[in-house]
Amino acid sequence: MALGGSTFLQNTTMLEQLLEEINFQRTKEMRQLMKDDSGFVVLQGTTYWTDLFVRHFLFQEEQSIDCDDLLFFVRKRHLKGSPRYLPKYETDVEVFRKDSKKLPIGDPEIDWEETVYLNLIVHQFDYTLTLAICTRTSPKELQVLKRHSQKVSVILVQVGEATAGARVTS
């Protein structure tokens, strides 16, 4: 089940296809690294990761039963004053609905690779979400005032020939 010109098998899930495409890209980058004696990898633009995100999360063919329409974007802003050879970034996570007219598609400040990974985790894997309300008791200390955790599970449901994911919270 390789990407190089062949099509995916009909029975693969969206998750398997996405992981296969990520693996293909990583293998390609490693081959470039091994060919170059300098040890540097020329990073391609973000178009690969943007395209992957759009195909697998924005315009996915499989409809989730829970109709989860939240998309998560990782924004990295270069901090002024940090040296060019060792840049520092401020990272924010932004959340939009799929049908929002303000989706940051094509925004150069979005880290598309990390955005793909974050949405992969949120939409395809089980996890525990914890929310804590805190107060700062000193410059380096926080006191938790209230905390709530909730397990979020993704279950696969066979619908005709397609497999769809549904999120269950407990």
N, C-alpha and C. Protein backbone atom coordinates (compact mmCIF):
# COMPACT_ATOMS: atom_id res chain seq x y z
N MET A 1 0.85 -1.18 0.00
CA MET A 1 0.00 0.00 0.00
C MET A 1 0.89 1.23 0.00
N ALA A 2 1.54 1.49 -1.10
CA ALA A 2 2.44 2.63 -1.21
C ALA A 2 1.75 3.77 -1.92
N LEU A 3 2.28 4.95 -1.72
CA LEU A 3 1.71 6.13 -2.34
C LEU A 3 2.20 6.36 -3.76
N GLY A 4 3.37 5.90 -4.08
CA GLY A 4 4.01 6.23 -5.34
C GLY A 4 3.22 5.82 -6.56
N GLY A 5 2.13 6.50 -6.88
CA GLY A 5 1.39 6.26 -8.09
C GLY A 5 0.26 5.25 -7.95
N SER A 6 0.27 4.43 -6.93
CA SER A 6 -0.81 3.46 -6.78
C SER A 6 -1.90 4.04 -5.91
N THR A 7 -3.08 3.49 -6.05
CA THR A 7 -4.21 3.98 -5.27
C THR A 7 -4.33 3.16 -4.00
N PHE A 8 -5.00 3.76 -3.00
CA PHE A 8 -5.21 3.06 -1.74
C PHE A 8 -6.25 1.96 -1.93
N LEU A 9 -6.14 0.95 -1.13
CA LEU A 9 -7.14 -0.11 -1.14
C LEU A 9 -8.46 0.46 -0.66
N GLN A 10 -9.55 -0.10 -1.16
CA GLN A 10 -10.88 0.39 -0.81
C GLN A 10 -11.20 0.21 0.67
N ASN A 11 -10.59 -0.77 1.34
CA ASN A 11 -10.94 -1.09 2.71
C ASN A 11 -10.16 -0.29 3.75
N THR A 12 -9.25 0.59 3.35
CA THR A 12 -8.48 1.33 4.34
C THR A 12 -9.32 2.46 4.93
N THR A 13 -9.08 2.73 6.19
CA THR A 13 -9.80 3.81 6.85
C THR A 13 -9.08 5.13 6.59
N MET A 14 -9.76 6.23 6.90
CA MET A 14 -9.15 7.55 6.76
C MET A 14 -7.89 7.64 7.60
N LEU A 15 -7.93 7.08 8.81
CA LEU A 15 -6.76 7.11 9.69
C LEU A 15 -5.58 6.38 9.06
N GLU A 16 -5.83 5.20 8.51
CA GLU A 16 -4.74 4.44 7.87
C GLU A 16 -4.16 5.20 6.68
N GLN A 17 -5.02 5.83 5.90
CA GLN A 17 -4.55 6.61 4.75
C GLN A 17 -3.70 7.79 5.20
N LEU A 18 -4.17 8.49 6.22
CA LEU A 18 -3.44 9.65 6.72
C LEU A 18 -2.08 9.24 7.27
N LEU A 19 -2.04 8.17 8.06
CA LEU A 19 -0.77 7.70 8.61
C LEU A 19 0.17 7.23 7.51
N GLU A 20 -0.36 6.60 6.48
CA GLU A 20 0.46 6.17 5.35
C GLU A 20 1.07 7.37 4.63
N GLU A 21 0.29 8.42 4.44
CA GLU A 21 0.80 9.62 3.76
C GLU A 21 1.86 10.33 4.60
N ILE A 22 1.66 10.38 5.91
CA ILE A 22 2.66 10.99 6.80
C ILE A 22 3.94 10.17 6.75
N ASN A 23 3.82 8.85 6.81
CA ASN A 23 4.98 7.96 6.75
C ASN A 23 5.73 8.14 5.42
N PHE A 24 5.00 8.24 4.33
CA PHE A 24 5.61 8.45 3.02
C PHE A 24 6.42 9.74 2.99
N GLN A 25 5.85 10.83 3.53
CA GLN A 25 6.55 12.12 3.55
C GLN A 25 7.80 12.06 4.43
N ARG A 26 7.69 11.44 5.59
CA ARG A 26 8.84 11.31 6.49
C ARG A 26 9.96 10.49 5.84
N THR A 27 9.59 9.39 5.17
CA THR A 27 10.57 8.56 4.48
C THR A 27 11.27 9.36 3.39
N LYS A 28 10.51 10.14 2.65
CA LYS A 28 11.08 10.99 1.59
C LYS A 28 12.07 11.99 2.18
N GLU A 29 11.71 12.61 3.31
CA GLU A 29 12.60 13.57 3.95
C GLU A 29 13.88 12.89 4.46
N MET A 30 13.75 11.67 4.98
CA MET A 30 14.92 10.95 5.47
C MET A 30 15.86 10.57 4.32
N ARG A 31 15.28 10.19 3.18
CA ARG A 31 16.11 9.89 2.01
C ARG A 31 16.89 11.12 1.57
N GLN A 32 16.25 12.29 1.60
CA GLN A 32 16.93 13.54 1.24
C GLN A 32 18.07 13.82 2.21
N LEU A 33 17.84 13.56 3.48
CA LEU A 33 18.86 13.78 4.50
C LEU A 33 20.05 12.87 4.28
N MET A 34 19.79 11.61 3.93
CA MET A 34 20.88 10.65 3.72
C MET A 34 21.68 10.96 2.46
N LYS A 35 21.03 11.52 1.43
CA LYS A 35 21.73 11.86 0.18
C LYS A 35 22.65 13.05 0.35
N ASP A 36 22.26 13.99 1.21
CA ASP A 36 23.01 15.23 1.37
C ASP A 36 24.08 15.04 2.44
N ASP A 37 25.34 15.23 2.07
CA ASP A 37 26.45 15.05 3.01
C ASP A 37 26.52 16.15 4.06
N SER A 38 25.90 17.29 3.80
CA SER A 38 26.02 18.41 4.74
C SER A 38 25.21 18.19 6.02
N GLY A 39 24.23 17.28 5.98
CA GLY A 39 23.41 17.03 7.15
C GLY A 39 22.20 17.94 7.23
N PHE A 40 22.02 18.79 6.22
CA PHE A 40 20.87 19.70 6.20
C PHE A 40 19.79 19.14 5.29
N VAL A 41 18.56 19.36 5.68
CA VAL A 41 17.42 18.98 4.85
C VAL A 41 16.78 20.26 4.36
N VAL A 42 16.59 20.34 3.06
CA VAL A 42 15.89 21.50 2.51
C VAL A 42 14.41 21.28 2.75
N LEU A 43 13.82 22.12 3.58
CA LEU A 43 12.41 21.96 3.89
C LEU A 43 11.57 22.51 2.76
N GLN A 44 10.63 21.70 2.31
CA GLN A 44 9.70 22.15 1.29
C GLN A 44 8.73 23.11 1.96
N GLY A 45 8.03 23.88 1.17
CA GLY A 45 7.04 24.80 1.72
C GLY A 45 5.97 24.05 2.48
N THR A 46 5.05 24.77 3.03
CA THR A 46 4.00 24.15 3.83
C THR A 46 2.88 23.60 2.96
N THR A 47 3.03 23.65 1.64
CA THR A 47 1.93 23.22 0.78
C THR A 47 1.59 21.75 0.98
N TYR A 48 2.58 20.89 1.22
CA TYR A 48 2.29 19.47 1.44
C TYR A 48 1.38 19.30 2.65
N TRP A 49 1.76 19.91 3.77
CA TRP A 49 1.00 19.74 5.01
C TRP A 49 -0.35 20.44 4.94
N THR A 50 -0.41 21.59 4.25
CA THR A 50 -1.69 22.29 4.08
C THR A 50 -2.63 21.41 3.27
N ASP A 51 -2.14 20.85 2.18
CA ASP A 51 -2.95 19.98 1.33
C ASP A 51 -3.43 18.76 2.10
N LEU A 52 -2.54 18.16 2.88
CA LEU A 52 -2.91 16.99 3.68
C LEU A 52 -4.02 17.35 4.67
N PHE A 53 -3.88 18.49 5.33
CA PHE A 53 -4.90 18.95 6.28
C PHE A 53 -6.24 19.14 5.58
N VAL A 54 -6.23 19.85 4.46
CA VAL A 54 -7.47 20.14 3.75
C VAL A 54 -8.16 18.85 3.31
N ARG A 55 -7.40 17.92 2.74
CA ARG A 55 -7.99 16.67 2.26
C ARG A 55 -8.54 15.79 3.38
N HIS A 56 -7.83 15.72 4.50
CA HIS A 56 -8.23 14.77 5.54
C HIS A 56 -9.12 15.34 6.63
N PHE A 57 -9.11 16.65 6.81
CA PHE A 57 -9.91 17.21 7.90
C PHE A 57 -10.98 18.19 7.42
N LEU A 58 -10.70 18.93 6.38
CA LEU A 58 -11.67 19.92 5.91
C LEU A 58 -12.65 19.30 4.93
N PHE A 59 -12.15 18.52 3.98
CA PHE A 59 -13.00 17.93 2.95
C PHE A 59 -12.99 16.41 3.02
N GLN A 60 -13.04 15.86 4.21
CA GLN A 60 -13.02 14.40 4.33
C GLN A 60 -14.30 13.82 3.75
N GLU A 61 -14.16 12.68 3.07
CA GLU A 61 -15.31 12.04 2.45
C GLU A 61 -16.17 11.32 3.47
N GLU A 62 -15.53 10.72 4.46
CA GLU A 62 -16.28 9.99 5.49
C GLU A 62 -16.92 11.00 6.42
N GLN A 63 -18.20 10.86 6.66
CA GLN A 63 -18.90 11.75 7.57
C GLN A 63 -18.92 11.13 8.96
N SER A 64 -18.47 11.86 9.93
CA SER A 64 -18.49 11.36 11.31
C SER A 64 -19.91 11.40 11.82
N ILE A 65 -20.26 10.39 12.60
CA ILE A 65 -21.60 10.31 13.15
C ILE A 65 -21.85 11.46 14.11
N ASP A 66 -20.83 11.86 14.86
CA ASP A 66 -21.03 12.93 15.83
C ASP A 66 -21.02 14.31 15.19
N CYS A 67 -20.72 14.39 13.90
CA CYS A 67 -20.69 15.65 13.16
C CYS A 67 -19.80 16.68 13.84
N ASP A 68 -18.69 16.25 14.40
CA ASP A 68 -17.75 17.18 15.03
C ASP A 68 -17.19 18.08 13.95
N ASP A 69 -17.42 19.37 14.10
CA ASP A 69 -16.98 20.29 13.07
C ASP A 69 -15.92 21.27 13.56
N LEU A 70 -15.25 20.95 14.66
CA LEU A 70 -14.20 21.83 15.17
C LEU A 70 -12.86 21.46 14.55
N LEU A 71 -12.13 22.47 14.10
CA LEU A 71 -10.79 22.29 13.56
C LEU A 71 -9.83 23.11 14.40
N PHE A 72 -8.65 22.56 14.66
CA PHE A 72 -7.66 23.18 15.52
C PHE A 72 -6.45 23.59 14.67
N PHE A 73 -5.98 24.82 14.88
CA PHE A 73 -4.85 25.35 14.11
C PHE A 73 -3.76 25.79 15.07
N VAL A 74 -2.52 25.41 14.78
CA VAL A 74 -1.37 25.79 15.60
C VAL A 74 -0.69 26.97 14.93
N ARG A 75 -0.76 28.13 15.58
CA ARG A 75 -0.17 29.36 15.05
C ARG A 75 1.14 29.62 15.77
N LYS A 76 2.20 29.86 14.99
CA LYS A 76 3.51 30.18 15.56
C LYS A 76 3.94 31.54 15.04
N ARG A 77 4.16 32.45 15.97
CA ARG A 77 4.62 33.80 15.62
C ARG A 77 6.07 33.94 16.04
N HIS A 78 6.87 34.44 15.12
CA HIS A 78 8.28 34.68 15.41
C HIS A 78 8.39 35.83 16.40
N LEU A 79 9.12 35.62 17.49
CA LEU A 79 9.30 36.67 18.49
C LEU A 79 10.41 37.61 18.02
N LYS A 80 10.07 38.87 17.92
CA LYS A 80 11.07 39.85 17.51
C LYS A 80 12.13 39.96 18.58
N GLY A 81 13.34 40.17 18.14
CA GLY A 81 14.44 40.29 19.08
C GLY A 81 15.21 38.99 19.28
N SER A 82 14.63 37.87 18.85
CA SER A 82 15.38 36.61 18.96
C SER A 82 16.30 36.49 17.74
N PRO A 83 17.48 35.93 17.94
CA PRO A 83 18.45 35.85 16.84
C PRO A 83 17.94 34.95 15.70
N ARG A 84 18.34 35.28 14.47
CA ARG A 84 17.92 34.50 13.31
C ARG A 84 18.42 33.07 13.36
N TYR A 85 19.60 32.85 13.90
CA TYR A 85 20.16 31.51 13.95
C TYR A 85 19.52 30.65 15.04
N LEU A 86 18.81 31.27 15.97
CA LEU A 86 18.11 30.54 17.02
C LEU A 86 16.77 31.23 17.30
N PRO A 87 15.85 31.17 16.34
CA PRO A 87 14.60 31.90 16.49
C PRO A 87 13.72 31.33 17.61
N LYS A 88 12.93 32.20 18.21
CA LYS A 88 11.98 31.78 19.23
C LYS A 88 10.58 32.12 18.73
N TYR A 89 9.64 31.27 19.11
CA TYR A 89 8.28 31.44 18.63
C TYR A 89 7.29 31.44 19.79
N GLU A 90 6.20 32.17 19.59
CA GLU A 90 5.06 32.13 20.49
C GLU A 90 4.03 31.23 19.82
N THR A 91 3.54 30.23 20.53
CA THR A 91 2.61 29.27 19.94
C THR A 91 1.22 29.43 20.55
N ASP A 92 0.22 29.51 19.67
CA ASP A 92 -1.18 29.59 20.08
C ASP A 92 -1.96 28.52 19.34
N VAL A 93 -3.04 28.04 19.96
CA VAL A 93 -3.95 27.12 19.29
C VAL A 93 -5.25 27.87 19.06
N GLU A 94 -5.70 27.89 17.82
CA GLU A 94 -6.96 28.55 17.46
C GLU A 94 -7.95 27.48 17.03
N VAL A 95 -9.22 27.69 17.36
CA VAL A 95 -10.26 26.71 17.05
C VAL A 95 -11.33 27.40 16.19
N PHE A 96 -11.69 26.73 15.10
CA PHE A 96 -12.72 27.24 14.19
C PHE A 96 -13.68 26.12 13.85
N ARG A 97 -14.89 26.48 13.46
CA ARG A 97 -15.82 25.51 12.91
C ARG A 97 -15.48 25.32 11.43
N LYS A 98 -15.75 24.11 10.91
CA LYS A 98 -15.40 23.81 9.52
C LYS A 98 -16.00 24.80 8.53
N ASP A 99 -17.19 25.28 8.81
CA ASP A 99 -17.86 26.16 7.85
C ASP A 99 -17.56 27.64 8.09
N SER A 100 -16.61 27.95 8.97
CA SER A 100 -16.27 29.34 9.26
C SER A 100 -15.67 30.01 8.02
N LYS A 101 -16.03 31.25 7.81
CA LYS A 101 -15.46 32.03 6.71
C LYS A 101 -14.08 32.57 7.07
N LYS A 102 -13.67 32.38 8.32
CA LYS A 102 -12.38 32.91 8.78
C LYS A 102 -11.31 31.83 8.93
N LEU A 103 -11.50 30.66 8.33
CA LEU A 103 -10.48 29.60 8.41
C LEU A 103 -9.15 30.13 7.89
N PRO A 104 -8.06 29.89 8.61
CA PRO A 104 -6.77 30.46 8.20
C PRO A 104 -6.03 29.62 7.15
N ILE A 105 -6.75 29.09 6.17
CA ILE A 105 -6.11 28.28 5.13
C ILE A 105 -5.15 29.16 4.35
N GLY A 106 -3.91 28.70 4.22
CA GLY A 106 -2.89 29.46 3.51
C GLY A 106 -2.15 30.47 4.36
N ASP A 107 -2.51 30.61 5.62
CA ASP A 107 -1.84 31.56 6.52
C ASP A 107 -0.41 31.07 6.79
N PRO A 108 0.60 31.90 6.49
CA PRO A 108 1.98 31.45 6.69
C PRO A 108 2.38 31.30 8.16
N GLU A 109 1.62 31.87 9.09
CA GLU A 109 1.95 31.72 10.51
C GLU A 109 1.44 30.40 11.09
N ILE A 110 0.61 29.68 10.35
CA ILE A 110 0.11 28.40 10.83
C ILE A 110 1.18 27.34 10.58
N ASP A 111 1.48 26.58 11.62
CA ASP A 111 2.40 25.45 11.48
C ASP A 111 1.54 24.27 11.03
N TRP A 112 1.53 24.02 9.72
CA TRP A 112 0.60 23.05 9.15
C TRP A 112 0.92 21.62 9.55
N GLU A 113 2.17 21.30 9.72
CA GLU A 113 2.52 19.94 10.15
C GLU A 113 1.97 19.69 11.56
N GLU A 114 2.20 20.61 12.47
CA GLU A 114 1.68 20.44 13.84
C GLU A 114 0.15 20.49 13.85
N THR A 115 -0.44 21.28 12.96
CA THR A 115 -1.90 21.35 12.85
C THR A 115 -2.47 20.00 12.44
N VAL A 116 -1.82 19.33 11.50
CA VAL A 116 -2.25 17.99 11.08
C VAL A 116 -2.17 17.03 12.27
N TYR A 117 -1.05 17.05 12.99
CA TYR A 117 -0.88 16.14 14.13
C TYR A 117 -1.91 16.41 15.23
N LEU A 118 -2.17 17.68 15.54
CA LEU A 118 -3.14 18.01 16.59
C LEU A 118 -4.53 17.51 16.21
N ASN A 119 -4.96 17.76 14.98
CA ASN A 119 -6.28 17.31 14.55
C ASN A 119 -6.36 15.79 14.48
N LEU A 120 -5.27 15.15 14.13
CA LEU A 120 -5.21 13.69 14.12
C LEU A 120 -5.49 13.15 15.52
N ILE A 121 -4.84 13.73 16.52
CA ILE A 121 -5.03 13.29 17.90
C ILE A 121 -6.45 13.56 18.37
N VAL A 122 -6.93 14.78 18.15
CA VAL A 122 -8.24 15.18 18.66
C VAL A 122 -9.37 14.40 17.98
N HIS A 123 -9.24 14.14 16.68
CA HIS A 123 -10.34 13.52 15.94
C HIS A 123 -10.25 12.01 15.81
N GLN A 124 -9.08 11.40 16.08
CA GLN A 124 -8.94 9.98 15.80
C GLN A 124 -8.57 9.12 17.01
N PHE A 125 -8.16 9.70 18.12
CA PHE A 125 -7.69 8.89 19.24
C PHE A 125 -8.47 9.18 20.51
N ASP A 126 -8.44 8.22 21.43
CA ASP A 126 -9.03 8.41 22.75
C ASP A 126 -8.09 9.25 23.59
N TYR A 127 -8.66 10.12 24.41
CA TYR A 127 -7.84 10.95 25.28
C TYR A 127 -8.68 11.44 26.45
N THR A 128 -8.02 11.96 27.46
CA THR A 128 -8.70 12.57 28.60
C THR A 128 -8.44 14.06 28.54
N LEU A 129 -9.51 14.82 28.56
CA LEU A 129 -9.43 16.27 28.52
C LEU A 129 -9.60 16.78 29.95
N THR A 130 -8.67 17.59 30.41
CA THR A 130 -8.73 18.14 31.76
C THR A 130 -8.75 19.66 31.69
N LEU A 131 -9.69 20.24 32.40
CA LEU A 131 -9.80 21.69 32.50
C LEU A 131 -9.58 22.06 33.96
N ALA A 132 -8.70 23.01 34.20
CA ALA A 132 -8.43 23.43 35.58
C ALA A 132 -8.54 24.95 35.67
N ILE A 133 -9.17 25.40 36.73
CA ILE A 133 -9.22 26.83 37.03
C ILE A 133 -8.22 27.06 38.15
N CYS A 134 -7.26 27.94 37.88
CA CYS A 134 -6.15 28.13 38.81
C CYS A 134 -6.01 29.60 39.20
N THR A 135 -5.30 29.80 40.30
CA THR A 135 -4.91 31.15 40.70
C THR A 135 -3.41 31.12 40.96
N ARG A 136 -2.76 32.22 40.65
CA ARG A 136 -1.31 32.29 40.85
C ARG A 136 -1.06 32.70 42.31
N THR A 137 -0.37 31.84 43.06
CA THR A 137 -0.07 32.13 44.47
C THR A 137 1.30 32.79 44.63
N SER A 138 2.16 32.61 43.65
CA SER A 138 3.47 33.27 43.62
C SER A 138 3.92 33.27 42.16
N PRO A 139 5.02 33.95 41.86
CA PRO A 139 5.45 34.00 40.45
C PRO A 139 5.65 32.63 39.80
N LYS A 140 5.98 31.60 40.59
CA LYS A 140 6.23 30.27 40.02
C LYS A 140 5.23 29.21 40.49
N GLU A 141 4.21 29.59 41.23
CA GLU A 141 3.27 28.62 41.79
C GLU A 141 1.84 28.91 41.35
N LEU A 142 1.11 27.84 41.05
CA LEU A 142 -0.31 27.93 40.75
C LEU A 142 -1.07 27.04 41.73
N GLN A 143 -2.24 27.50 42.16
CA GLN A 143 -3.10 26.69 43.01
C GLN A 143 -4.35 26.34 42.20
N VAL A 144 -4.67 25.06 42.15
CA VAL A 144 -5.84 24.61 41.41
C VAL A 144 -7.07 24.85 42.27
N LEU A 145 -8.00 25.67 41.76
CA LEU A 145 -9.23 25.95 42.49
C LEU A 145 -10.31 24.92 42.15
N LYS A 146 -10.40 24.58 40.89
CA LYS A 146 -11.39 23.59 40.46
C LYS A 146 -10.83 22.86 39.24
N ARG A 147 -11.15 21.58 39.15
CA ARG A 147 -10.62 20.76 38.07
C ARG A 147 -11.68 19.78 37.60
N HIS A 148 -11.76 19.60 36.30
CA HIS A 148 -12.72 18.64 35.75
C HIS A 148 -12.03 17.87 34.62
N SER A 149 -12.13 16.55 34.65
CA SER A 149 -11.57 15.70 33.60
C SER A 149 -12.69 14.91 32.95
N GLN A 150 -12.56 14.71 31.66
CA GLN A 150 -13.55 13.94 30.93
C GLN A 150 -12.85 13.11 29.88
N LYS A 151 -13.20 11.82 29.82
CA LYS A 151 -12.60 10.93 28.82
C LYS A 151 -13.37 11.09 27.52
N VAL A 152 -12.63 11.22 26.42
CA VAL A 152 -13.23 11.33 25.09
C VAL A 152 -12.74 10.14 24.29
N SER A 153 -13.66 9.35 23.77
CA SER A 153 -13.31 8.15 23.02
C SER A 153 -13.83 8.24 21.61
N VAL A 154 -13.06 7.71 20.69
CA VAL A 154 -13.48 7.61 19.30
C VAL A 154 -13.81 6.15 19.06
N ILE A 155 -15.02 5.88 18.60
CA ILE A 155 -15.38 4.50 18.27
C ILE A 155 -15.61 4.44 16.77
N LEU A 156 -15.24 3.33 16.16
CA LEU A 156 -15.44 3.16 14.72
C LEU A 156 -16.73 2.40 14.49
N VAL A 157 -17.53 2.91 13.58
CA VAL A 157 -18.81 2.30 13.25
C VAL A 157 -18.81 1.98 11.77
N GLN A 158 -19.16 0.75 11.40
CA GLN A 158 -19.23 0.37 9.99
C GLN A 158 -20.55 0.87 9.43
N VAL A 159 -20.49 1.74 8.42
CA VAL A 159 -21.69 2.28 7.79
C VAL A 159 -21.59 1.95 6.30
N GLY A 160 -22.31 0.95 5.85
CA GLY A 160 -22.20 0.52 4.46
C GLY A 160 -20.78 0.07 4.19
N GLU A 161 -20.12 0.69 3.20
CA GLU A 161 -18.74 0.35 2.90
C GLU A 161 -17.75 1.25 3.62
N ALA A 162 -18.23 2.34 4.17
CA ALA A 162 -17.32 3.30 4.82
C ALA A 162 -17.32 3.09 6.32
N THR A 163 -16.21 3.40 6.93
CA THR A 163 -16.09 3.37 8.38
C THR A 163 -16.12 4.80 8.87
N ALA A 164 -17.00 5.09 9.81
CA ALA A 164 -17.11 6.45 10.33
C ALA A 164 -16.74 6.45 11.80
N GLY A 165 -16.26 7.58 12.28
CA GLY A 165 -15.90 7.71 13.68
C GLY A 165 -16.96 8.46 14.45
N ALA A 166 -17.17 8.05 15.66
CA ALA A 166 -18.10 8.76 16.54
C ALA A 166 -17.38 9.03 17.84
N ARG A 167 -17.58 10.20 18.41
CA ARG A 167 -16.94 10.54 19.67
C ARG A 167 -17.92 10.31 20.81
N VAL A 168 -17.44 9.66 21.84
CA VAL A 168 -18.24 9.38 23.02
C VAL A 168 -17.52 9.97 24.21
N THR A 169 -18.22 10.76 24.99
CA THR A 169 -17.61 11.31 26.20
C THR A 169 -18.23 10.61 27.39
N SER A 170 -17.39 10.39 28.40
CA SER A 170 -17.90 9.73 29.60
C SER A 170 -17.40 10.44 30.83
